[in-house]
Protein backbone atom coordinates (compact mmCIF):
# COMPACT_ATOMS: atom_id res chain seq x y z
CA MET A 1 21.82 63.02 -52.33
CA LYS A 2 20.82 64.12 -48.82
CA LEU A 3 21.10 61.55 -46.07
CA PRO A 4 18.23 61.10 -43.61
CA SER A 5 18.51 61.83 -39.92
CA ALA A 6 20.36 59.10 -38.00
CA LEU A 7 20.62 57.99 -34.39
CA PHE A 8 23.84 56.20 -33.45
CA THR A 9 23.76 54.25 -30.17
CA CYS A 10 26.87 52.72 -28.65
CA GLY A 11 28.13 51.58 -25.27
CA THR A 12 31.47 52.54 -23.78
CA LEU A 13 32.44 48.84 -23.68
CA ASP A 14 31.63 48.32 -27.38
CA CYS A 15 34.68 47.59 -29.53
CA LEU A 16 33.01 49.68 -32.25
CA LEU A 17 32.72 52.86 -30.16
CA ASP A 18 35.36 54.72 -32.20
CA ASP A 19 33.61 53.66 -35.42
CA SER A 20 30.26 54.94 -34.12
CA VAL A 21 31.77 58.30 -33.18
CA MET A 22 33.45 58.58 -36.59
CA MET A 23 30.30 57.59 -38.49
CA SER A 24 28.21 60.06 -36.55
CA ALA A 25 30.70 62.84 -37.34
CA LYS A 26 30.81 61.94 -41.03
CA TRP A 27 27.01 61.83 -41.13
CA ALA A 28 26.88 65.34 -39.67
CA MET A 29 29.56 66.54 -42.08
CA SER A 30 27.27 65.53 -44.95
CA GLY A 31 24.75 68.06 -43.65
CA ALA A 32 22.34 65.50 -42.23
CA GLU A 33 21.12 65.36 -38.64
CA SER A 34 23.31 63.01 -36.63
CA ILE A 35 22.63 62.11 -33.01
CA LEU A 36 25.16 60.07 -31.06
CA LYS A 37 24.14 58.50 -27.75
CA VAL A 38 26.85 56.78 -25.70
CA TYR A 39 25.85 54.56 -22.78
CA PRO A 40 28.32 54.03 -19.90
CA GLY A 41 29.28 50.41 -19.32
CA ALA A 42 27.15 49.04 -22.16
CA PRO A 43 28.62 46.31 -24.41
CA HIS A 44 28.13 45.73 -28.13
CA GLY A 45 24.52 44.97 -29.02
CA PHE A 46 23.11 46.07 -25.66
CA VAL A 47 19.91 47.41 -27.24
CA PHE A 48 19.10 43.85 -28.32
CA PHE A 49 19.01 42.61 -24.72
CA PRO A 50 15.51 42.01 -23.29
CA PRO A 51 13.70 45.28 -22.46
CA GLY A 52 14.54 46.27 -18.90
CA GLY A 53 17.34 43.70 -18.80
CA THR A 54 19.85 46.35 -17.81
CA GLU A 55 19.47 50.02 -16.97
CA GLU A 56 21.45 51.05 -20.06
CA THR A 57 19.42 48.72 -22.31
CA GLN A 58 16.21 50.39 -21.19
CA LYS A 59 17.72 53.88 -21.65
CA GLY A 60 18.82 52.94 -25.16
CA LEU A 61 15.42 51.53 -26.10
CA ASP A 62 13.71 54.62 -24.66
CA ASP A 63 16.01 56.88 -26.68
CA ILE A 64 15.29 54.93 -29.87
CA GLU A 65 11.55 55.14 -29.22
CA THR A 66 11.76 58.89 -28.59
CA TYR A 67 13.85 59.42 -31.73
CA ILE A 68 11.36 57.56 -33.90
CA ASN A 69 8.27 59.14 -32.33
CA GLU A 70 9.69 62.63 -32.87
CA ARG A 71 10.11 61.93 -36.57
CA ILE A 72 6.85 60.26 -37.52
């Protein structure tokens, strides 16, 4: 079974940063496209903050929008 393309977003202050890096690597090892975006100073769940709430939140939301638009 081939996995779909995946975008992994994580902040440097997220306690799950290592897990995101590992999952992205494993995704790529399966042969699927894996994109990892790491945002300096962003905490866990930062992309769920209000749009424009922080600079990193807006960057993350913009990256997610670009990723989706490039694939539909």
